[in-house]
Each structure stands twice: as C-alpha cells, then as structure tokens.
Amino acid sequence: QLQLVESGGGLVQAGGSLRLSCAASVNIFRLNSMGWYRQGPGKQRELVAAITSGAITNYADSVKGRFTISRDDAKNTVHLQMNSLKPEDTAVYYCHSYYFRTDYWGQGTQVTVSA
C-alpha cells in the first residue's frame, strides 16, 4: 500500500512561482518512477514531469525550462518547482507512482494562475 500526499498548491499571478511537494508513505528509492500529472478545465490528464530512482527526468514540452522535478530520498518526498507560471498551467496537479503493479495517486492540489 502506498499513500501520496500533495501540498503547495494555491493561487498565483502569471509569472509567479509555486513549489509542490508529494510525500510518500514508503521509501521512494523503492519506487522506480514518480511523477506529476495535471488536469486542466476541459482537458485530459497529462504527464507534467517524472523522475526515476536513477534521477532521470522527463518533462512535458509545455513546461520545459520552467518546471523542475526533484526528489529528496531522506524525506521520501518529490518536489515540483514551478516558475514563470502561465494561466494555462491552471489545473489540479496529482502526484503519481507505480508500486507493485498498481497505480497510486495523491488527492490532487489546485494550482490557479491568474492573468
């Protein structure tokens, strides 16, 4: 069983920054990959960023150069630093991992970027 708890969402102006955190209930070095997904209004859920246990990262084209995913194994936490936020980044952001052949999702945290 894996629990993922997100925090850090909020309301910011365009150009601002937010830092999301995802705390896992197991040592994250046991997780091959962790990622952040988002689902905006009327949009499909999409992968924003992912990081493997080997620190290999992957980003959606729309966030490259603005978002950074990182992991803190000692605290079993993955972070998503979001800079230069745009209104189109507005979405519910979900932490995700795949553990024992099962998808696990956090409860989601709302990010709203005002123009």
C-alpha atoms as a PDB file:
ATOM      1  CA  GLN A   1       0.000   0.000   0.000  1.00  0.00           C
ATOM      2  CA  LEU A   2       1.267   3.425  -0.952  1.00  0.00           C
ATOM      3  CA  GLN A   3      -0.067   6.785   0.092  1.00  0.00           C
ATOM      4  CA  LEU A   4       0.833  10.012  -1.658  1.00  0.00           C
ATOM      5  CA  VAL A   5       0.032  13.384  -0.168  1.00  0.00           C
ATOM      6  CA  GLU A   6       0.439  16.586  -2.163  1.00  0.00           C
ATOM      7  CA  SER A   7       0.815  20.083  -0.851  1.00  0.00           C
ATOM      8  CA  GLY A   8       1.828  23.505  -2.076  1.00  0.00           C
ATOM      9  CA  GLY A   9      -0.909  24.448  -4.492  1.00  0.00           C
ATOM     10  CA  GLY A  10      -2.511  27.835  -4.489  1.00  0.00           C
ATOM     11  CA  LEU A  11      -3.357  30.968  -6.399  1.00  0.00           C
ATOM     12  CA  VAL A  12      -0.592  32.985  -8.014  1.00  0.00           C
ATOM     13  CA  GLN A  13      -0.254  35.665 -10.635  1.00  0.00           C
ATOM     14  CA  ALA A  14       1.206  34.934 -14.033  1.00  0.00           C
ATOM     15  CA  GLY A  15       4.970  34.921 -13.822  1.00  0.00           C
ATOM     16  CA  GLY A  16       4.949  33.739 -10.241  1.00  0.00           C
ATOM     17  CA  SER A  17       6.198  30.532  -8.702  1.00  0.00           C
ATOM     18  CA  LEU A  18       4.902  27.651  -6.654  1.00  0.00           C
ATOM     19  CA  ARG A  19       6.572  24.605  -5.205  1.00  0.00           C
ATOM     20  CA  LEU A  20       4.548  21.431  -4.968  1.00  0.00           C
ATOM     21  CA  SER A  21       5.519  18.579  -2.701  1.00  0.00           C
ATOM     22  CA  CYS A  22       4.488  14.955  -2.683  1.00  0.00           C
ATOM     23  CA  ALA A  23       5.183  12.915   0.416  1.00  0.00           C
ATOM     24  CA  ALA A  24       5.176   9.147   0.023  1.00  0.00           C
ATOM     25  CA  SER A  25       4.485   6.604   2.725  1.00  0.00           C
ATOM     26  CA  VAL A  26       7.324   4.325   1.609  1.00  0.00           C
ATOM     27  CA  ASN A  27      10.962   4.966   0.903  1.00  0.00           C
ATOM     28  CA  ILE A  28      10.923   6.495  -2.526  1.00  0.00           C
ATOM     29  CA  PHE A  29      14.100   4.760  -3.607  1.00  0.00           C
ATOM     30  CA  ARG A  30      11.836   1.716  -3.861  1.00  0.00           C
ATOM     31  CA  LEU A  31       9.783   3.493  -6.493  1.00  0.00           C
ATOM     32  CA  ASN A  32      11.199   3.283  -9.993  1.00  0.00           C
ATOM     33  CA  SER A  33       9.456   6.466 -11.007  1.00  0.00           C
ATOM     34  CA  MET A  34       7.375   9.227  -9.525  1.00  0.00           C
ATOM     35  CA  GLY A  35       5.626  11.917 -11.439  1.00  0.00           C
ATOM     36  CA  TRP A  36       3.312  14.848 -11.525  1.00  0.00           C
ATOM     37  CA  TYR A  37       0.241  14.920 -13.707  1.00  0.00           C
ATOM     38  CA  ARG A  38      -2.256  17.671 -14.169  1.00  0.00           C
ATOM     39  CA  GLN A  39      -5.771  18.041 -15.445  1.00  0.00           C
ATOM     40  CA  GLY A  40      -6.970  21.449 -16.513  1.00  0.00           C
ATOM     41  CA  PRO A  41     -10.541  22.513 -17.217  1.00  0.00           C
ATOM     42  CA  GLY A  42     -11.907  20.527 -20.123  1.00  0.00           C
ATOM     43  CA  LYS A  43      -8.568  18.824 -20.651  1.00  0.00           C
ATOM     44  CA  GLN A  44      -7.264  15.311 -20.408  1.00  0.00           C
ATOM     45  CA  ARG A  45      -4.921  14.411 -17.624  1.00  0.00           C
ATOM     46  CA  GLU A  46      -1.362  14.790 -18.818  1.00  0.00           C
ATOM     47  CA  LEU A  47       2.081  14.000 -17.543  1.00  0.00           C
ATOM     48  CA  VAL A  48       3.908  17.125 -16.454  1.00  0.00           C
ATOM     49  CA  ALA A  49       7.163  15.733 -15.126  1.00  0.00           C
ATOM     50  CA  ALA A  50       8.602  12.472 -13.904  1.00  0.00           C
ATOM     51  CA  ILE A  51      11.754  11.355 -12.163  1.00  0.00           C
ATOM     52  CA  THR A  52      13.191   7.873 -11.842  1.00  0.00           C
ATOM     53  CA  SER A  53      15.077   6.322  -8.972  1.00  0.00           C
ATOM     54  CA  GLY A  54      18.177   6.988 -11.057  1.00  0.00           C
ATOM     55  CA  ALA A  55      17.317  10.700 -11.231  1.00  0.00           C
ATOM     56  CA  ILE A  56      16.417  10.630 -14.903  1.00  0.00           C
ATOM     57  CA  THR A  57      13.815  13.286 -15.581  1.00  0.00           C
ATOM     58  CA  ASN A  58      11.209  13.828 -18.231  1.00  0.00           C
ATOM     59  CA  TYR A  59       9.079  16.897 -18.864  1.00  0.00           C
ATOM     60  CA  ALA A  60       6.152  17.839 -20.982  1.00  0.00           C
ATOM     61  CA  ASP A  61       7.179  20.215 -23.743  1.00  0.00           C
ATOM     62  CA  SER A  62       4.870  22.861 -22.343  1.00  0.00           C
ATOM     63  CA  VAL A  63       6.805  23.112 -19.076  1.00  0.00           C
ATOM     64  CA  LYS A  64      10.394  22.542 -20.148  1.00  0.00           C
ATOM     65  CA  GLY A  65      12.638  25.271 -18.877  1.00  0.00           C
ATOM     66  CA  ARG A  66      10.073  26.434 -16.339  1.00  0.00           C
ATOM     67  CA  PHE A  67       9.404  23.436 -14.096  1.00  0.00           C
ATOM     68  CA  THR A  68      11.905  21.294 -12.242  1.00  0.00           C
ATOM     69  CA  ILE A  69      11.201  17.966 -10.604  1.00  0.00           C
ATOM     70  CA  SER A  70      13.456  16.724  -7.837  1.00  0.00           C
ATOM     71  CA  ARG A  71      13.481  14.120  -5.116  1.00  0.00           C
ATOM     72  CA  ASP A  72      14.575  14.050  -1.521  1.00  0.00           C
ATOM     73  CA  ASP A  73      15.024  10.393  -0.634  1.00  0.00           C
ATOM     74  CA  ALA A  74      15.736  11.132   3.021  1.00  0.00           C
ATOM     75  CA  LYS A  75      12.314  12.721   3.363  1.00  0.00           C
ATOM     76  CA  ASN A  76      10.519  10.433   0.908  1.00  0.00           C
ATOM     77  CA  THR A  77       9.368  13.489  -0.958  1.00  0.00           C
ATOM     78  CA  VAL A  78       9.250  14.612  -4.567  1.00  0.00           C
ATOM     79  CA  HIS A  79       9.031  18.283  -5.420  1.00  0.00           C
ATOM     80  CA  LEU A  80       7.891  20.201  -8.434  1.00  0.00           C
ATOM     81  CA  GLN A  81       9.272  23.701  -8.623  1.00  0.00           C
ATOM     82  CA  MET A  82       7.123  25.736 -10.973  1.00  0.00           C
ATOM     83  CA  ASN A  83       8.473  29.048 -12.201  1.00  0.00           C
ATOM     84  CA  SER A  84       7.217  31.559 -14.739  1.00  0.00           C
ATOM     85  CA  LEU A  85       3.711  30.260 -14.318  1.00  0.00           C
ATOM     86  CA  LYS A  86       1.177  30.902 -17.033  1.00  0.00           C
ATOM     87  CA  PRO A  87      -2.622  30.883 -16.921  1.00  0.00           C
ATOM     88  CA  GLU A  88      -2.589  27.716 -18.999  1.00  0.00           C
ATOM     89  CA  ASP A  89      -0.816  25.980 -16.124  1.00  0.00           C
ATOM     90  CA  THR A  90      -4.036  26.202 -14.144  1.00  0.00           C
ATOM     91  CA  ALA A  91      -5.048  22.676 -13.238  1.00  0.00           C
ATOM     92  CA  VAL A  92      -5.360  20.154 -10.491  1.00  0.00           C
ATOM     93  CA  TYR A  93      -1.954  18.610 -10.029  1.00  0.00           C
ATOM     94  CA  TYR A  94      -1.667  14.986  -8.986  1.00  0.00           C
ATOM     95  CA  CYS A  95       1.278  13.065  -7.668  1.00  0.00           C
ATOM     96  CA  HIS A  96       1.592   9.584  -9.108  1.00  0.00           C
ATOM     97  CA  SER A  97       3.637   6.472  -8.714  1.00  0.00           C
ATOM     98  CA  TYR A  98       3.514   2.864  -9.799  1.00  0.00           C
ATOM     99  CA  TYR A  99       4.043   0.416  -6.990  1.00  0.00           C
ATOM    100  CA  PHE A 100       3.597  -3.344  -7.047  1.00  0.00           C
ATOM    101  CA  ARG A 101       1.892  -3.142 -10.411  1.00  0.00           C
ATOM    102  CA  THR A 102      -0.640  -0.673  -9.082  1.00  0.00           C
ATOM    103  CA  ASP A 103      -1.157   2.989  -9.900  1.00  0.00           C
ATOM    104  CA  TYR A 104      -1.302   5.289  -6.915  1.00  0.00           C
ATOM    105  CA  TRP A 105      -2.497   8.861  -6.959  1.00  0.00           C
ATOM    106  CA  GLY A 106      -2.498  11.682  -4.495  1.00  0.00           C
ATOM    107  CA  GLN A 107      -5.665  13.586  -3.758  1.00  0.00           C
ATOM    108  CA  GLY A 108      -4.680  16.461  -6.015  1.00  0.00           C
ATOM    109  CA  THR A 109      -3.782  20.048  -5.303  1.00  0.00           C
ATOM    110  CA  GLN A 110      -5.247  23.004  -7.147  1.00  0.00           C
ATOM    111  CA  VAL A 111      -2.955  25.420  -8.931  1.00  0.00           C
ATOM    112  CA  THR A 112      -4.578  28.551 -10.273  1.00  0.00           C
ATOM    113  CA  VAL A 113      -2.635  31.147 -12.233  1.00  0.00           C
ATOM    114  CA  SER A 114      -4.337  34.460 -12.817  1.00  0.00           C
ATOM    115  CA  ALA A 115      -3.624  36.603 -15.847  1.00  0.00           C
END
